[in-house]
Protein backbone atom coordinates (compact mmCIF):
# COMPACT_ATOMS: atom_id res chain seq x y z
CA MET A 1 16.61 25.22 -0.92
CA LEU A 2 20.38 24.66 -0.90
CA GLU A 3 21.12 28.37 -0.77
CA SER A 4 18.96 28.81 2.34
CA VAL A 5 21.10 26.29 4.28
CA GLY A 6 24.46 27.48 2.92
CA MET A 7 25.11 24.54 0.60
CA SER A 8 24.75 26.11 -2.84
CA ASN A 9 28.28 24.97 -3.81
CA CYS A 10 27.89 21.32 -2.75
CA ASN A 11 28.54 18.46 -5.15
CA PRO A 12 25.75 16.01 -6.02
CA ILE A 13 26.23 12.34 -5.15
CA VAL A 14 24.25 9.18 -5.88
CA THR A 15 23.58 8.19 -2.26
CA PRO A 16 22.40 10.85 0.21
CA ILE A 17 24.33 9.38 3.18
CA ASP A 18 26.90 6.64 3.60
CA PRO A 19 25.34 4.05 5.96
CA ASN A 20 28.83 3.06 7.16
CA VAL A 21 29.58 6.51 8.60
CA LYS A 22 29.04 6.61 12.35
CA LEU A 23 27.69 9.99 13.43
CA MET A 24 28.16 11.15 17.01
CA PRO A 25 26.26 13.74 19.03
CA LEU A 26 28.02 16.99 19.84
CA THR A 27 30.07 16.90 23.01
CA ASN A 28 29.24 19.19 25.93
CA SER A 29 32.37 21.22 25.23
CA ASP A 30 31.21 22.07 21.69
CA PRO A 31 30.27 25.77 21.44
CA ARG A 32 27.20 24.93 19.32
CA ILE A 33 25.51 23.25 22.31
CA GLY A 34 22.92 25.69 23.57
CA ASP A 35 23.21 27.91 20.48
CA VAL A 36 19.59 28.62 19.60
CA LYS A 37 20.42 29.79 16.05
CA PHE A 38 22.37 26.60 15.35
CA GLN A 39 19.51 24.46 16.67
CA ARG A 40 16.93 26.38 14.63
CA ASP A 41 19.02 26.19 11.45
CA TYR A 42 19.66 22.45 11.90
CA LEU A 43 16.00 21.63 12.45
CA SER A 44 14.95 23.98 9.67
CA GLY A 45 17.31 22.23 7.25
CA LEU A 46 15.89 18.84 8.20
CA GLY A 47 12.36 20.17 7.83
CA LYS A 48 13.11 21.45 4.35
CA LEU A 49 14.24 17.96 3.33
CA ILE A 50 11.11 16.22 4.60
CA TYR A 51 8.85 17.53 1.82
CA PRO A 52 10.97 16.27 -1.09
CA ALA A 53 11.57 12.98 0.73
CA VAL A 54 7.86 12.36 1.14
CA THR A 55 6.74 13.57 -2.28
CA THR A 56 9.49 12.85 -4.81
CA ARG A 57 12.73 11.59 -3.23
CA PRO A 58 12.14 8.58 -0.96
CA ASP A 59 15.90 7.86 -1.10
CA LEU A 60 16.36 10.84 1.25
CA THR A 61 14.22 9.26 3.97
CA TYR A 62 17.02 7.22 5.58
CA ALA A 63 19.36 10.21 5.71
CA ILE A 64 16.70 12.48 7.24
CA GLN A 65 15.72 9.86 9.80
CA HIS A 66 19.35 9.29 10.72
CA LEU A 67 20.15 13.00 11.04
CA SER A 68 16.98 13.71 13.00
CA GLN A 69 18.30 11.45 15.76
CA PHE A 70 20.77 14.24 16.50
CA SER A 71 18.13 16.92 16.98
CA ILE A 72 19.07 18.89 20.05
């Protein structure tokens, strides 16, 4: 799963997302706005995390919910 989203070299951590980090939507000047491949890859990555969150990793649920707020 990590290889398919380009994160095969990431380091594991105990908590999936720091609740104190404030995420912001992309600005209109960001070149990724309107990029269909970026949107598809982002949503595909979130979708791939939903299955493990529901079946075996409920600790991922908060991170997925938080990141899904930024779906374009």
